[in-house]
N, C-alpha and C. Protein backbone atom coordinates (compact mmCIF):
# COMPACT_ATOMS: atom_id res chain seq x y z
N MET A 1 -17.51 -16.25 -8.49
CA MET A 1 -17.80 -15.52 -7.26
C MET A 1 -17.48 -16.41 -6.07
N ASP A 2 -16.95 -15.81 -5.02
CA ASP A 2 -16.65 -16.54 -3.79
C ASP A 2 -17.87 -16.53 -2.88
N TYR A 3 -17.99 -17.60 -2.11
CA TYR A 3 -19.10 -17.73 -1.17
C TYR A 3 -18.59 -18.23 0.17
N VAL A 4 -19.34 -17.90 1.22
CA VAL A 4 -19.16 -18.54 2.51
C VAL A 4 -20.44 -19.30 2.79
N GLU A 5 -20.35 -20.31 3.59
CA GLU A 5 -21.52 -21.12 3.90
C GLU A 5 -22.10 -20.71 5.25
N HIS A 6 -23.42 -20.66 5.30
CA HIS A 6 -24.12 -20.32 6.55
C HIS A 6 -25.15 -21.41 6.82
N LEU A 7 -25.11 -21.98 8.00
CA LEU A 7 -26.10 -22.96 8.43
C LEU A 7 -27.19 -22.21 9.19
N THR A 8 -28.41 -22.25 8.66
CA THR A 8 -29.48 -21.46 9.25
C THR A 8 -29.92 -22.03 10.60
N SER A 9 -30.42 -21.13 11.43
CA SER A 9 -30.98 -21.51 12.73
C SER A 9 -32.37 -20.88 12.84
N ASP A 10 -33.07 -21.21 13.90
CA ASP A 10 -34.42 -20.67 14.10
C ASP A 10 -34.40 -19.15 14.03
N ASN A 11 -35.40 -18.61 13.39
CA ASN A 11 -35.62 -17.16 13.28
C ASN A 11 -34.64 -16.42 12.38
N ASP A 12 -33.87 -17.14 11.56
CA ASP A 12 -33.04 -16.45 10.57
C ASP A 12 -33.95 -15.79 9.55
N ARG A 13 -33.54 -14.60 9.12
CA ARG A 13 -34.27 -13.85 8.10
C ARG A 13 -33.25 -13.34 7.08
N TRP A 14 -33.73 -13.07 5.86
CA TRP A 14 -32.84 -12.58 4.81
C TRP A 14 -32.17 -11.27 5.21
N ASP A 15 -32.93 -10.36 5.77
CA ASP A 15 -32.36 -9.06 6.15
C ASP A 15 -31.36 -9.18 7.29
N LEU A 16 -31.61 -10.10 8.22
CA LEU A 16 -30.66 -10.30 9.32
C LEU A 16 -29.35 -10.93 8.83
N LEU A 17 -29.46 -11.81 7.84
CA LEU A 17 -28.24 -12.38 7.26
C LEU A 17 -27.43 -11.29 6.55
N ALA A 18 -28.13 -10.42 5.83
CA ALA A 18 -27.44 -9.31 5.16
C ALA A 18 -26.77 -8.40 6.18
N TRP A 19 -27.42 -8.15 7.29
CA TRP A 19 -26.83 -7.32 8.34
C TRP A 19 -25.60 -8.00 8.92
N THR A 20 -25.72 -9.30 9.17
CA THR A 20 -24.61 -10.06 9.76
C THR A 20 -23.39 -10.08 8.85
N TYR A 21 -23.60 -10.36 7.58
CA TYR A 21 -22.47 -10.54 6.67
C TYR A 21 -22.02 -9.27 5.98
N TYR A 22 -22.94 -8.31 5.75
CA TYR A 22 -22.59 -7.11 4.99
C TYR A 22 -22.71 -5.81 5.78
N GLY A 23 -23.32 -5.88 6.97
CA GLY A 23 -23.50 -4.66 7.75
C GLY A 23 -24.62 -3.78 7.23
N ASP A 24 -25.48 -4.32 6.35
CA ASP A 24 -26.57 -3.55 5.77
C ASP A 24 -27.74 -4.49 5.51
N PRO A 25 -28.85 -4.32 6.23
CA PRO A 25 -29.98 -5.24 6.04
C PRO A 25 -30.64 -5.14 4.68
N HIS A 26 -30.36 -4.08 3.93
CA HIS A 26 -30.96 -3.91 2.61
C HIS A 26 -30.22 -4.69 1.52
N LEU A 27 -29.09 -5.27 1.84
CA LEU A 27 -28.31 -6.02 0.85
C LEU A 27 -28.63 -7.51 0.85
N TYR A 28 -29.89 -7.85 1.06
CA TYR A 28 -30.28 -9.26 1.10
C TYR A 28 -30.43 -9.89 -0.29
N GLU A 29 -30.58 -9.09 -1.33
CA GLU A 29 -30.83 -9.63 -2.67
C GLU A 29 -29.72 -10.56 -3.17
N PRO A 30 -28.43 -10.25 -3.00
CA PRO A 30 -27.40 -11.20 -3.46
C PRO A 30 -27.50 -12.56 -2.76
N ILE A 31 -27.93 -12.56 -1.52
CA ILE A 31 -28.07 -13.82 -0.78
C ILE A 31 -29.24 -14.62 -1.35
N ILE A 32 -30.36 -13.95 -1.61
CA ILE A 32 -31.52 -14.63 -2.19
C ILE A 32 -31.16 -15.20 -3.56
N LEU A 33 -30.48 -14.42 -4.39
CA LEU A 33 -30.13 -14.86 -5.73
C LEU A 33 -29.16 -16.05 -5.71
N ALA A 34 -28.32 -16.12 -4.70
CA ALA A 34 -27.35 -17.22 -4.59
C ALA A 34 -27.99 -18.51 -4.08
N ASN A 35 -29.24 -18.42 -3.63
CA ASN A 35 -29.94 -19.57 -3.06
C ASN A 35 -31.33 -19.71 -3.68
N PRO A 36 -31.41 -19.98 -4.99
CA PRO A 36 -32.70 -19.96 -5.68
C PRO A 36 -33.68 -21.04 -5.25
N THR A 37 -33.23 -22.09 -4.60
CA THR A 37 -34.14 -23.16 -4.19
C THR A 37 -34.77 -22.93 -2.82
N VAL A 38 -34.33 -21.89 -2.12
CA VAL A 38 -34.87 -21.60 -0.79
C VAL A 38 -36.07 -20.67 -0.94
N PRO A 39 -37.23 -21.06 -0.39
CA PRO A 39 -38.42 -20.20 -0.50
C PRO A 39 -38.22 -18.85 0.19
N ILE A 40 -38.77 -17.82 -0.42
CA ILE A 40 -38.69 -16.48 0.16
C ILE A 40 -39.90 -16.30 1.08
N ARG A 41 -39.64 -16.43 2.35
CA ARG A 41 -40.66 -16.31 3.39
C ARG A 41 -40.12 -15.41 4.49
N PRO A 42 -40.99 -14.97 5.42
CA PRO A 42 -40.50 -14.09 6.49
C PRO A 42 -39.34 -14.69 7.30
N PHE A 43 -39.40 -16.00 7.57
CA PHE A 43 -38.32 -16.67 8.29
C PHE A 43 -37.81 -17.82 7.45
N ILE A 44 -36.51 -18.08 7.53
CA ILE A 44 -35.88 -19.16 6.78
C ILE A 44 -35.86 -20.40 7.68
N ALA A 45 -36.17 -21.54 7.11
CA ALA A 45 -36.17 -22.78 7.88
C ALA A 45 -34.79 -23.05 8.48
N ALA A 46 -34.78 -23.62 9.67
CA ALA A 46 -33.53 -23.97 10.34
C ALA A 46 -32.91 -25.20 9.68
N GLY A 47 -31.58 -25.27 9.70
CA GLY A 47 -30.86 -26.43 9.21
C GLY A 47 -30.51 -26.40 7.74
N LEU A 48 -30.74 -25.28 7.05
CA LEU A 48 -30.38 -25.17 5.64
C LEU A 48 -28.97 -24.61 5.50
N ARG A 49 -28.28 -25.06 4.48
CA ARG A 49 -26.96 -24.52 4.17
C ARG A 49 -27.13 -23.50 3.06
N LEU A 50 -26.88 -22.24 3.38
CA LEU A 50 -27.01 -21.16 2.42
C LEU A 50 -25.64 -20.72 1.93
N ARG A 51 -25.61 -20.27 0.68
CA ARG A 51 -24.41 -19.67 0.12
C ARG A 51 -24.53 -18.16 0.31
N ILE A 52 -23.53 -17.57 0.94
CA ILE A 52 -23.49 -16.13 1.14
C ILE A 52 -22.39 -15.58 0.24
N PRO A 53 -22.77 -14.81 -0.81
CA PRO A 53 -21.74 -14.27 -1.69
C PRO A 53 -20.81 -13.30 -0.96
N VAL A 54 -19.55 -13.39 -1.28
CA VAL A 54 -18.57 -12.44 -0.75
C VAL A 54 -18.58 -11.25 -1.70
N ILE A 55 -18.92 -10.08 -1.17
CA ILE A 55 -18.94 -8.88 -2.00
C ILE A 55 -17.89 -7.91 -1.49
N ALA A 56 -17.40 -7.11 -2.41
CA ALA A 56 -16.34 -6.16 -2.07
C ALA A 56 -16.86 -5.10 -1.11
N ASP A 57 -16.01 -4.63 -0.22
CA ASP A 57 -16.39 -3.60 0.74
C ASP A 57 -16.92 -2.36 0.05
N GLU A 58 -16.39 -2.03 -1.12
CA GLU A 58 -16.82 -0.83 -1.83
C GLU A 58 -18.31 -0.89 -2.15
N VAL A 59 -18.80 -2.08 -2.46
CA VAL A 59 -20.22 -2.23 -2.79
C VAL A 59 -21.08 -1.94 -1.57
N VAL A 60 -20.65 -2.41 -0.43
CA VAL A 60 -21.42 -2.20 0.79
C VAL A 60 -21.37 -0.75 1.22
N LEU A 61 -20.21 -0.15 1.17
CA LEU A 61 -20.05 1.20 1.70
C LEU A 61 -20.49 2.28 0.73
N ASP A 62 -20.42 2.02 -0.55
CA ASP A 62 -20.71 3.03 -1.56
C ASP A 62 -22.12 3.59 -1.44
N ARG A 63 -23.09 2.78 -1.12
CA ARG A 63 -24.48 3.23 -1.06
C ARG A 63 -24.72 4.24 0.06
N ASP A 64 -23.86 4.28 1.06
CA ASP A 64 -24.04 5.20 2.18
C ASP A 64 -23.34 6.54 1.97
N LEU A 65 -22.58 6.66 0.90
CA LEU A 65 -21.86 7.90 0.65
C LEU A 65 -22.71 8.87 -0.16
N PRO A 66 -22.50 10.16 0.03
CA PRO A 66 -23.18 11.13 -0.82
C PRO A 66 -22.66 10.99 -2.25
N PRO A 67 -23.45 11.41 -3.24
CA PRO A 67 -23.07 11.20 -4.65
C PRO A 67 -21.69 11.71 -5.02
N TRP A 68 -21.27 12.84 -4.46
CA TRP A 68 -19.98 13.40 -4.82
C TRP A 68 -18.79 12.64 -4.24
N LYS A 69 -19.05 11.66 -3.36
CA LYS A 69 -17.96 10.86 -2.80
C LYS A 69 -17.98 9.41 -3.27
N ARG A 70 -18.84 9.08 -4.18
CA ARG A 70 -19.00 7.69 -4.61
C ARG A 70 -17.97 7.24 -5.62
N GLY A 71 -17.17 8.11 -6.12
CA GLY A 71 -16.14 7.72 -7.07
C GLY A 71 -16.65 7.55 -8.47
N ARG A 72 -17.91 7.88 -8.70
CA ARG A 72 -18.49 7.81 -10.04
C ARG A 72 -18.76 9.21 -10.52
N GLN A 73 -18.61 9.41 -11.77
CA GLN A 73 -18.92 10.73 -12.33
C GLN A 73 -20.25 10.66 -13.05
N ALA A 74 -21.05 11.68 -12.85
CA ALA A 74 -22.38 11.71 -13.50
C ALA A 74 -22.26 12.06 -14.95
């Protein structure tokens, strides 16, 4: 998997990082999983280097589509 590096600053949050990198604040789980040594707290400490997984656009956009447009068959 490819990653980009993010240097945290004051008031960084998991959901805000997901919004910044993926355009969806609910996609914070891949970021948390890629950084298992970082405590899960309301705010992330400043000065940490986080790995942000690069995910395909389809993953980000697919959740916003109605079921009949998701490209999957039931």
